[in-house]
Amino acid sequence: MTTDSGDELLAEAVGLRTRGEAERARERLVALADRHPDDAEVAYQTAWTHDALGVEAEAVAYYERALAGTGLSAEDRLGALVGLGSTFRILGRYEEAVRTLRGGLAEFPDDGALRTFLAMALFNTGQHDEAMRILLELLATTSEDPQVRTYRRAIGHYAKDLRETVARQD
């Protein structure tokens, strides 16, 4: 945002969303995005607010504008990638979701949210083995459940190939 008043308007709109007034926030953000079409942060916040309201189809263009622009913090860029990928998935645009989320993982390889949403999108495209591998690896590396931790090594091993078996010798 180039002006102090613009920054204040953006902060006010984000505050409205945070306080549960997403529709009022959306109205302000859409007007702000119209006035500042090249502002990636405004576009991101506008997309996020559309998602919060359940109007995902309207969020897509704002996410794409945010990601095409410059000036997003790494945290907001990550949020926009997760948001766009998950929005594509919920809209049934599974291949676009996979592409977006894989691209996000190229930038943020350790992000669990990206990996989780990628696994869901892969499931939707019929790539069940890869989806399961991603989720098992995530579970093995991030779970604090004591029982999962006990079997962390085995889960990580089998994540590579769930079809692996040992021939029984009778």
N, C-alpha and C. Protein backbone atom coordinates (compact mmCIF):
# COMPACT_ATOMS: atom_id res chain seq x y z
N MET A 1 0.86 -1.16 0.00
CA MET A 1 0.00 0.00 0.00
C MET A 1 0.91 1.23 0.00
N THR A 2 0.57 2.19 -0.79
CA THR A 2 1.48 3.31 -0.98
C THR A 2 1.20 4.49 -0.06
N THR A 3 0.05 4.57 0.55
CA THR A 3 -0.26 5.71 1.40
C THR A 3 -0.58 5.25 2.81
N ASP A 4 -0.33 6.14 3.77
CA ASP A 4 -0.66 5.82 5.14
C ASP A 4 -2.16 5.56 5.30
N SER A 5 -3.00 6.36 4.62
CA SER A 5 -4.44 6.16 4.74
C SER A 5 -4.84 4.81 4.13
N GLY A 6 -4.16 4.40 3.05
CA GLY A 6 -4.43 3.09 2.46
C GLY A 6 -4.07 1.98 3.42
N ASP A 7 -2.93 2.11 4.10
CA ASP A 7 -2.53 1.12 5.10
C ASP A 7 -3.56 1.04 6.22
N GLU A 8 -4.06 2.20 6.63
CA GLU A 8 -5.07 2.24 7.69
C GLU A 8 -6.36 1.57 7.24
N LEU A 9 -6.77 1.81 6.00
CA LEU A 9 -7.99 1.19 5.48
C LEU A 9 -7.84 -0.32 5.41
N LEU A 10 -6.67 -0.77 4.99
CA LEU A 10 -6.41 -2.21 4.93
C LEU A 10 -6.46 -2.81 6.33
N ALA A 11 -5.78 -2.17 7.28
CA ALA A 11 -5.77 -2.68 8.66
C ALA A 11 -7.19 -2.70 9.24
N GLU A 12 -7.96 -1.68 8.94
CA GLU A 12 -9.34 -1.63 9.43
C GLU A 12 -10.17 -2.78 8.85
N ALA A 13 -10.03 -3.04 7.56
CA ALA A 13 -10.78 -4.13 6.93
C ALA A 13 -10.37 -5.48 7.49
N VAL A 14 -9.08 -5.69 7.68
CA VAL A 14 -8.60 -6.95 8.26
C VAL A 14 -9.14 -7.10 9.68
N GLY A 15 -9.17 -6.01 10.42
CA GLY A 15 -9.72 -6.03 11.78
C GLY A 15 -11.19 -6.42 11.77
N LEU A 16 -11.94 -5.91 10.81
CA LEU A 16 -13.35 -6.29 10.70
C LEU A 16 -13.49 -7.80 10.50
N ARG A 17 -12.67 -8.35 9.59
CA ARG A 17 -12.74 -9.79 9.34
C ARG A 17 -12.38 -10.56 10.61
N THR A 18 -11.35 -10.11 11.28
CA THR A 18 -10.88 -10.78 12.50
C THR A 18 -11.97 -10.78 13.58
N ARG A 19 -12.74 -9.72 13.62
CA ARG A 19 -13.81 -9.61 14.62
C ARG A 19 -15.11 -10.28 14.16
N GLY A 20 -15.08 -10.99 13.04
CA GLY A 20 -16.26 -11.71 12.59
C GLY A 20 -17.18 -10.91 11.69
N GLU A 21 -16.73 -9.77 11.23
CA GLU A 21 -17.55 -8.93 10.34
C GLU A 21 -17.02 -9.05 8.91
N ALA A 22 -17.00 -10.28 8.42
CA ALA A 22 -16.37 -10.56 7.13
C ALA A 22 -17.08 -9.87 5.97
N GLU A 23 -18.38 -9.75 6.01
CA GLU A 23 -19.09 -9.10 4.90
C GLU A 23 -18.73 -7.62 4.82
N ARG A 24 -18.66 -6.94 5.95
CA ARG A 24 -18.24 -5.53 5.93
C ARG A 24 -16.78 -5.42 5.47
N ALA A 25 -15.96 -6.36 5.91
CA ALA A 25 -14.56 -6.37 5.49
C ALA A 25 -14.47 -6.57 3.98
N ARG A 26 -15.26 -7.50 3.45
CA ARG A 26 -15.25 -7.77 2.01
C ARG A 26 -15.60 -6.52 1.21
N GLU A 27 -16.62 -5.82 1.60
CA GLU A 27 -17.02 -4.60 0.89
C GLU A 27 -15.88 -3.59 0.84
N ARG A 28 -15.23 -3.41 1.96
CA ARG A 28 -14.12 -2.44 2.01
C ARG A 28 -12.92 -2.93 1.21
N LEU A 29 -12.63 -4.21 1.31
CA LEU A 29 -11.47 -4.74 0.60
C LEU A 29 -11.68 -4.75 -0.91
N VAL A 30 -12.87 -5.06 -1.37
CA VAL A 30 -13.14 -5.03 -2.82
C VAL A 30 -12.94 -3.61 -3.34
N ALA A 31 -13.45 -2.63 -2.62
CA ALA A 31 -13.26 -1.23 -3.03
C ALA A 31 -11.78 -0.86 -3.02
N LEU A 32 -11.06 -1.30 -2.02
CA LEU A 32 -9.62 -1.02 -1.92
C LEU A 32 -8.86 -1.72 -3.04
N ALA A 33 -9.24 -2.95 -3.35
CA ALA A 33 -8.58 -3.69 -4.44
C ALA A 33 -8.86 -3.04 -5.78
N ASP A 34 -10.04 -2.47 -5.96
CA ASP A 34 -10.35 -1.75 -7.20
C ASP A 34 -9.48 -0.52 -7.35
N ARG A 35 -9.22 0.16 -6.23
CA ARG A 35 -8.38 1.37 -6.26
C ARG A 35 -6.89 1.05 -6.36
N HIS A 36 -6.51 -0.13 -5.89
CA HIS A 36 -5.08 -0.53 -5.88
C HIS A 36 -4.94 -1.92 -6.49
N PRO A 37 -5.19 -2.04 -7.80
CA PRO A 37 -5.20 -3.37 -8.44
C PRO A 37 -3.84 -4.08 -8.44
N ASP A 38 -2.76 -3.34 -8.25
CA ASP A 38 -1.44 -3.96 -8.27
C ASP A 38 -0.89 -4.25 -6.88
N ASP A 39 -1.68 -4.02 -5.85
CA ASP A 39 -1.23 -4.23 -4.48
C ASP A 39 -1.49 -5.68 -4.08
N ALA A 40 -0.41 -6.45 -3.96
CA ALA A 40 -0.52 -7.88 -3.67
C ALA A 40 -1.12 -8.13 -2.29
N GLU A 41 -0.79 -7.30 -1.32
CA GLU A 41 -1.31 -7.51 0.03
C GLU A 41 -2.81 -7.28 0.09
N VAL A 42 -3.28 -6.24 -0.57
CA VAL A 42 -4.72 -5.97 -0.63
C VAL A 42 -5.42 -7.14 -1.33
N ALA A 43 -4.85 -7.62 -2.42
CA ALA A 43 -5.44 -8.74 -3.14
C ALA A 43 -5.51 -9.98 -2.25
N TYR A 44 -4.44 -10.25 -1.52
CA TYR A 44 -4.41 -11.41 -0.64
C TYR A 44 -5.48 -11.31 0.45
N GLN A 45 -5.56 -10.17 1.09
CA GLN A 45 -6.55 -10.00 2.15
C GLN A 45 -7.97 -10.09 1.60
N THR A 46 -8.16 -9.60 0.38
CA THR A 46 -9.48 -9.68 -0.26
C THR A 46 -9.84 -11.13 -0.56
N ALA A 47 -8.87 -11.87 -1.07
CA ALA A 47 -9.10 -13.31 -1.34
C ALA A 47 -9.44 -14.05 -0.07
N TRP A 48 -8.68 -13.81 0.97
CA TRP A 48 -8.87 -14.49 2.25
C TRP A 48 -10.28 -14.22 2.78
N THR A 49 -10.72 -12.99 2.66
CA THR A 49 -12.05 -12.63 3.15
C THR A 49 -13.14 -13.31 2.34
N HIS A 50 -12.96 -13.41 1.03
CA HIS A 50 -13.94 -14.15 0.22
C HIS A 50 -14.00 -15.61 0.66
N ASP A 51 -12.84 -16.20 0.91
CA ASP A 51 -12.82 -17.58 1.40
C ASP A 51 -13.55 -17.70 2.73
N ALA A 52 -13.31 -16.75 3.62
CA ALA A 52 -13.96 -16.79 4.94
C ALA A 52 -15.48 -16.72 4.82
N LEU A 53 -15.95 -16.08 3.78
CA LEU A 53 -17.39 -15.96 3.54
C LEU A 53 -17.97 -17.14 2.75
N GLY A 54 -17.11 -18.04 2.30
CA GLY A 54 -17.58 -19.19 1.53
C GLY A 54 -17.87 -18.88 0.08
N VAL A 55 -17.31 -17.80 -0.44
CA VAL A 55 -17.47 -17.46 -1.86
C VAL A 55 -16.12 -17.67 -2.55
N GLU A 56 -15.73 -18.93 -2.56
CA GLU A 56 -14.40 -19.31 -3.04
C GLU A 56 -14.17 -18.94 -4.50
N ALA A 57 -15.20 -19.06 -5.34
CA ALA A 57 -15.02 -18.76 -6.76
C ALA A 57 -14.58 -17.32 -6.96
N GLU A 58 -15.06 -16.42 -6.11
CA GLU A 58 -14.67 -15.01 -6.21
C GLU A 58 -13.27 -14.77 -5.64
N ALA A 59 -12.81 -15.66 -4.80
CA ALA A 59 -11.49 -15.50 -4.19
C ALA A 59 -10.36 -15.78 -5.17
N VAL A 60 -10.58 -16.65 -6.15
CA VAL A 60 -9.51 -17.11 -7.04
C VAL A 60 -8.77 -15.96 -7.70
N ALA A 61 -9.48 -15.04 -8.32
CA ALA A 61 -8.81 -13.94 -9.04
C ALA A 61 -7.96 -13.10 -8.11
N TYR A 62 -8.42 -12.91 -6.88
CA TYR A 62 -7.64 -12.13 -5.92
C TYR A 62 -6.39 -12.88 -5.48
N TYR A 63 -6.52 -14.19 -5.26
CA TYR A 63 -5.33 -14.98 -4.93
C TYR A 63 -4.32 -14.92 -6.07
N GLU A 64 -4.80 -15.09 -7.29
CA GLU A 64 -3.89 -15.06 -8.43
C GLU A 64 -3.22 -13.70 -8.56
N ARG A 65 -3.96 -12.64 -8.33
CA ARG A 65 -3.40 -11.29 -8.39
C ARG A 65 -2.34 -11.12 -7.30
N ALA A 66 -2.63 -11.61 -6.11
CA ALA A 66 -1.67 -11.50 -5.00
C ALA A 66 -0.38 -12.23 -5.32
N LEU A 67 -0.50 -13.45 -5.86
CA LEU A 67 0.68 -14.25 -6.14
C LEU A 67 1.48 -13.73 -7.33
N ALA A 68 0.82 -13.05 -8.25
CA ALA A 68 1.51 -12.48 -9.41
C ALA A 68 2.24 -11.20 -9.05
N GLY A 69 1.81 -10.56 -7.98
CA GLY A 69 2.40 -9.29 -7.58
C GLY A 69 3.65 -9.47 -6.75
N THR A 70 4.11 -8.36 -6.25
CA THR A 70 5.29 -8.37 -5.38
C THR A 70 4.92 -7.70 -4.07
N GLY A 71 5.74 -7.93 -3.07
CA GLY A 71 5.55 -7.25 -1.81
C GLY A 71 4.90 -8.06 -0.71
N LEU A 72 4.46 -9.29 -1.02
CA LEU A 72 3.91 -10.12 0.05
C LEU A 72 5.05 -10.62 0.94
N SER A 73 4.80 -10.65 2.23
CA SER A 73 5.76 -11.29 3.13
C SER A 73 5.77 -12.78 2.81
N ALA A 74 6.79 -13.47 3.26
CA ALA A 74 6.85 -14.92 3.04
C ALA A 74 5.64 -15.60 3.67
N GLU A 75 5.23 -15.15 4.84
CA GLU A 75 4.07 -15.74 5.52
C GLU A 75 2.79 -15.54 4.71
N ASP A 76 2.62 -14.34 4.15
CA ASP A 76 1.42 -14.09 3.35
C ASP A 76 1.48 -14.82 2.01
N ARG A 77 2.67 -14.93 1.43
CA ARG A 77 2.80 -15.69 0.18
C ARG A 77 2.43 -17.16 0.42
N LEU A 78 2.92 -17.71 1.50
CA LEU A 78 2.56 -19.08 1.87
C LEU A 78 1.04 -19.19 2.07
N GLY A 79 0.45 -18.24 2.78
CA GLY A 79 -0.99 -18.25 2.99
C GLY A 79 -1.77 -18.17 1.69
N ALA A 80 -1.28 -17.38 0.75
CA ALA A 80 -1.95 -17.25 -0.54
C ALA A 80 -1.83 -18.54 -1.35
N LEU A 81 -0.70 -19.21 -1.28
CA LEU A 81 -0.54 -20.48 -1.99
C LEU A 81 -1.44 -21.56 -1.40
N VAL A 82 -1.49 -21.65 -0.09
CA VAL A 82 -2.39 -22.61 0.56
C VAL A 82 -3.83 -22.26 0.22
N GLY A 83 -4.15 -20.97 0.32
CA GLY A 83 -5.51 -20.53 0.04
C GLY A 83 -5.94 -20.83 -1.38
N LEU A 84 -5.11 -20.50 -2.34
CA LEU A 84 -5.46 -20.74 -3.74
C LEU A 84 -5.56 -22.24 -4.03
N GLY A 85 -4.59 -23.00 -3.55
CA GLY A 85 -4.63 -24.44 -3.78
C GLY A 85 -5.86 -25.09 -3.17
N SER A 86 -6.17 -24.73 -1.94
CA SER A 86 -7.33 -25.34 -1.29
C SER A 86 -8.63 -24.85 -1.93
N THR A 87 -8.63 -23.61 -2.41
CA THR A 87 -9.82 -23.07 -3.09
C THR A 87 -10.04 -23.80 -4.41
N PHE A 88 -8.98 -24.00 -5.18
CA PHE A 88 -9.11 -24.78 -6.42
C PHE A 88 -9.70 -26.16 -6.10
N ARG A 89 -9.22 -26.79 -5.03
CA ARG A 89 -9.70 -28.13 -4.68
C ARG A 89 -11.17 -28.12 -4.33
N ILE A 90 -11.59 -27.17 -3.53
CA ILE A 90 -12.99 -27.13 -3.11
C ILE A 90 -13.91 -26.81 -4.29
N LEU A 91 -13.37 -26.14 -5.30
CA LEU A 91 -14.14 -25.83 -6.51
C LEU A 91 -14.12 -26.98 -7.52
N GLY A 92 -13.42 -28.07 -7.19
CA GLY A 92 -13.35 -29.21 -8.10
C GLY A 92 -12.32 -29.02 -9.20
N ARG A 93 -11.47 -28.05 -9.07
CA ARG A 93 -10.41 -27.79 -10.05
C ARG A 93 -9.13 -28.47 -9.55
N TYR A 94 -9.18 -29.80 -9.52
CA TYR A 94 -8.17 -30.60 -8.84
C TYR A 94 -6.78 -30.49 -9.44
N GLU A 95 -6.68 -30.51 -10.77
CA GLU A 95 -5.35 -30.43 -11.40
C GLU A 95 -4.70 -29.08 -11.09
N GLU A 96 -5.49 -28.01 -11.10
CA GLU A 96 -4.95 -26.70 -10.76
C GLU A 96 -4.53 -26.65 -9.29
N ALA A 97 -5.29 -27.34 -8.45
CA ALA A 97 -4.93 -27.42 -7.03
C ALA A 97 -3.59 -28.11 -6.87
N VAL A 98 -3.42 -29.25 -7.54
CA VAL A 98 -2.17 -29.99 -7.44
C VAL A 98 -1.01 -29.13 -7.93
N ARG A 99 -1.18 -28.49 -9.07
CA ARG A 99 -0.12 -27.63 -9.62
C ARG A 99 0.25 -26.50 -8.65
N THR A 100 -0.75 -25.85 -8.12
CA THR A 100 -0.52 -24.73 -7.20
C THR A 100 0.18 -25.20 -5.93
N LEU A 101 -0.30 -26.29 -5.36
CA LEU A 101 0.27 -26.77 -4.11
C LEU A 101 1.67 -27.34 -4.30
N ARG A 102 1.92 -28.01 -5.42
CA ARG A 102 3.30 -28.46 -5.71
C ARG A 102 4.23 -27.26 -5.87
N GLY A 103 3.75 -26.22 -6.55
CA GLY A 103 4.54 -25.00 -6.67
C GLY A 103 4.82 -24.39 -5.32
N GLY A 104 3.82 -24.41 -4.45
CA GLY A 104 4.02 -23.90 -3.10
C GLY A 104 5.07 -24.70 -2.34
N LEU A 105 5.04 -26.01 -2.52
CA LEU A 105 6.03 -26.85 -1.84
C LEU A 105 7.43 -26.63 -2.38
N ALA A 106 7.54 -26.23 -3.63
CA ALA A 106 8.87 -25.90 -4.17
C ALA A 106 9.45 -24.69 -3.43
N GLU A 107 8.59 -23.78 -3.01
CA GLU A 107 9.04 -22.60 -2.25
C GLU A 107 9.12 -22.86 -0.76
N PHE A 108 8.19 -23.67 -0.24
CA PHE A 108 8.09 -23.92 1.20
C PHE A 108 8.01 -25.43 1.44
N PRO A 109 9.13 -26.14 1.24
CA PRO A 109 9.10 -27.60 1.23
C PRO A 109 8.70 -28.25 2.54
N ASP A 110 8.81 -27.56 3.64
CA ASP A 110 8.52 -28.18 4.93
C ASP A 110 7.14 -27.82 5.47
N ASP A 111 6.33 -27.12 4.69
CA ASP A 111 5.06 -26.67 5.22
C ASP A 111 4.03 -27.80 5.27
N GLY A 112 3.54 -28.08 6.46
CA GLY A 112 2.58 -29.15 6.66
C GLY A 112 1.22 -28.87 6.05
N ALA A 113 0.77 -27.62 6.05
CA ALA A 113 -0.53 -27.30 5.46
C ALA A 113 -0.49 -27.54 3.95
N LEU A 114 0.56 -27.10 3.29
CA LEU A 114 0.68 -27.35 1.85
C LEU A 114 0.67 -28.83 1.56
N ARG A 115 1.42 -29.60 2.35
CA ARG A 115 1.47 -31.05 2.13
C ARG A 115 0.11 -31.70 2.36
N THR A 116 -0.60 -31.24 3.37
CA THR A 116 -1.92 -31.80 3.67
C THR A 116 -2.90 -31.53 2.55
N PHE A 117 -2.96 -30.27 2.10
CA PHE A 117 -3.89 -29.94 1.02
C PHE A 117 -3.48 -30.60 -0.29
N LEU A 118 -2.17 -30.76 -0.52
CA LEU A 118 -1.72 -31.48 -1.71
C LEU A 118 -2.20 -32.92 -1.64
N ALA A 119 -2.09 -33.55 -0.49
CA ALA A 119 -2.55 -34.94 -0.35
C ALA A 119 -4.04 -35.04 -0.67
N MET A 120 -4.82 -34.09 -0.20
CA MET A 120 -6.26 -34.12 -0.51
C MET A 120 -6.51 -33.96 -2.00
N ALA A 121 -5.80 -33.04 -2.63
CA ALA A 121 -5.97 -32.82 -4.07
C ALA A 121 -5.51 -34.04 -4.87
N LEU A 122 -4.43 -34.66 -4.44
CA LEU A 122 -3.96 -35.88 -5.10
C LEU A 122 -4.99 -36.99 -4.96
N PHE A 123 -5.60 -37.10 -3.81
CA PHE A 123 -6.67 -38.07 -3.63
C PHE A 123 -7.78 -37.81 -4.64
N ASN A 124 -8.15 -36.54 -4.80
CA ASN A 124 -9.22 -36.19 -5.72
C ASN A 124 -8.87 -36.50 -7.17
N THR A 125 -7.59 -36.54 -7.50
CA THR A 125 -7.17 -36.86 -8.87
C THR A 125 -6.88 -38.35 -9.04
N GLY A 126 -7.15 -39.13 -8.02
CA GLY A 126 -6.93 -40.57 -8.11
C GLY A 126 -5.52 -41.02 -7.80
N GLN A 127 -4.68 -40.11 -7.34
CA GLN A 127 -3.28 -40.45 -7.03
C GLN A 127 -3.19 -40.83 -5.55
N HIS A 128 -3.85 -41.93 -5.22
CA HIS A 128 -4.02 -42.33 -3.82
C HIS A 128 -2.71 -42.71 -3.14
N ASP A 129 -1.83 -43.39 -3.87
CA ASP A 129 -0.57 -43.82 -3.27
C ASP A 129 0.26 -42.62 -2.82
N GLU A 130 0.39 -41.63 -3.70
CA GLU A 130 1.19 -40.45 -3.34
C GLU A 130 0.52 -39.67 -2.21
N ALA A 131 -0.80 -39.57 -2.26
CA ALA A 131 -1.53 -38.87 -1.20
C ALA A 131 -1.28 -39.53 0.15
N MET A 132 -1.38 -40.83 0.18
CA MET A 132 -1.17 -41.57 1.43
C MET A 132 0.28 -41.44 1.90
N ARG A 133 1.22 -41.50 0.96
CA ARG A 133 2.63 -41.35 1.33
C ARG A 133 2.87 -40.01 2.00
N ILE A 134 2.35 -38.95 1.41
CA ILE A 134 2.54 -37.60 1.96
C ILE A 134 1.97 -37.51 3.37
N LEU A 135 0.76 -38.03 3.55
CA LEU A 135 0.12 -37.94 4.87
C LEU A 135 0.85 -38.78 5.91
N LEU A 136 1.30 -39.98 5.52
CA LEU A 136 2.04 -40.81 6.48
C LEU A 136 3.37 -40.18 6.86
N GLU A 137 4.07 -39.61 5.88
CA GLU A 137 5.33 -38.93 6.19
C GLU A 137 5.09 -37.74 7.12
N LEU A 138 4.03 -37.00 6.86
CA LEU A 138 3.69 -35.86 7.71
C LEU A 138 3.37 -36.34 9.13
N LEU A 139 2.58 -37.39 9.22
CA LEU A 139 2.23 -37.96 10.53
C LEU A 139 3.49 -38.41 11.26
N ALA A 140 4.34 -39.13 10.56
CA ALA A 140 5.54 -39.67 11.20
C ALA A 140 6.48 -38.57 11.68
N THR A 141 6.53 -37.48 10.97
CA THR A 141 7.49 -36.43 11.34
C THR A 141 6.93 -35.36 12.28
N THR A 142 5.60 -35.26 12.38
CA THR A 142 5.06 -34.16 13.18
C THR A 142 4.21 -34.58 14.36
N SER A 143 3.78 -35.81 14.42
CA SER A 143 2.86 -36.21 15.49
C SER A 143 3.57 -36.23 16.84
N GLU A 144 2.85 -35.76 17.83
CA GLU A 144 3.34 -35.84 19.21
C GLU A 144 2.60 -36.93 19.98
N ASP A 145 1.73 -37.65 19.30
CA ASP A 145 1.02 -38.76 19.93
C ASP A 145 2.05 -39.80 20.35
N PRO A 146 2.05 -40.20 21.61
CA PRO A 146 3.08 -41.15 22.09
C PRO A 146 3.09 -42.47 21.34
N GLN A 147 1.92 -42.96 20.96
CA GLN A 147 1.87 -44.23 20.24
C GLN A 147 2.41 -44.08 18.82
N VAL A 148 2.07 -42.98 18.18
CA VAL A 148 2.61 -42.74 16.83
C VAL A 148 4.12 -42.57 16.91
N ARG A 149 4.58 -41.87 17.92
CA ARG A 149 6.03 -41.67 18.07
C ARG A 149 6.75 -43.00 18.25
N THR A 150 6.11 -43.93 18.93
CA THR A 150 6.71 -45.25 19.13
C THR A 150 6.96 -45.93 17.78
N TYR A 151 6.05 -45.74 16.84
CA TYR A 151 6.14 -46.40 15.54
C TYR A 151 6.57 -45.46 14.42
N ARG A 152 7.14 -44.33 14.79
CA ARG A 152 7.54 -43.32 13.81
C ARG A 152 8.41 -43.89 12.70
N ARG A 153 9.41 -44.66 13.07
CA ARG A 153 10.32 -45.22 12.07
C ARG A 153 9.60 -46.16 11.11
N ALA A 154 8.75 -47.02 11.64
CA ALA A 154 8.01 -47.97 10.80
C ALA A 154 7.05 -47.22 9.89
N ILE A 155 6.36 -46.22 10.43
CA ILE A 155 5.42 -45.45 9.61
C ILE A 155 6.17 -44.75 8.48
N GLY A 156 7.29 -44.15 8.79
CA GLY A 156 8.11 -43.50 7.77
C GLY A 156 8.58 -44.48 6.71
N HIS A 157 8.94 -45.68 7.14
CA HIS A 157 9.39 -46.70 6.19
C HIS A 157 8.25 -47.12 5.26
N TYR A 158 7.12 -47.43 5.84
CA TYR A 158 5.99 -47.90 5.03
C TYR A 158 5.36 -46.79 4.20
N ALA A 159 5.58 -45.57 4.56
CA ALA A 159 5.07 -44.46 3.75
C ALA A 159 5.64 -44.53 2.34
N LYS A 160 6.85 -45.06 2.22
CA LYS A 160 7.49 -45.14 0.90
C LYS A 160 6.78 -46.13 -0.02
N ASP A 161 6.22 -47.21 0.57
CA ASP A 161 5.51 -48.20 -0.24
C ASP A 161 4.58 -49.01 0.65
N LEU A 162 3.32 -48.62 0.65
CA LEU A 162 2.34 -49.32 1.48
C LEU A 162 2.07 -50.74 0.99
N ARG A 163 2.46 -51.03 -0.22
CA ARG A 163 2.20 -52.36 -0.78
C ARG A 163 3.29 -53.37 -0.39
N GLU A 164 4.35 -52.88 0.25
CA GLU A 164 5.45 -53.75 0.65
C GLU A 164 4.97 -54.80 1.65
N THR A 165 5.32 -56.01 1.39
CA THR A 165 5.02 -57.10 2.32
C THR A 165 6.24 -58.00 2.42
N VAL A 166 6.22 -58.83 3.40
CA VAL A 166 7.29 -59.82 3.58
C VAL A 166 6.64 -61.17 3.31
N ALA A 167 7.26 -61.92 2.44
CA ALA A 167 6.73 -63.26 2.13
C ALA A 167 6.81 -64.13 3.37
N ARG A 168 5.71 -64.73 3.73
CA ARG A 168 5.70 -65.62 4.89
C ARG A 168 6.29 -66.99 4.52
N GLN A 169 7.02 -67.50 5.43
CA GLN A 169 7.58 -68.84 5.20
C GLN A 169 6.91 -69.79 6.17
N ASP A 170 6.10 -70.65 5.66
CA ASP A 170 5.39 -71.62 6.52
C ASP A 170 6.09 -72.94 6.55
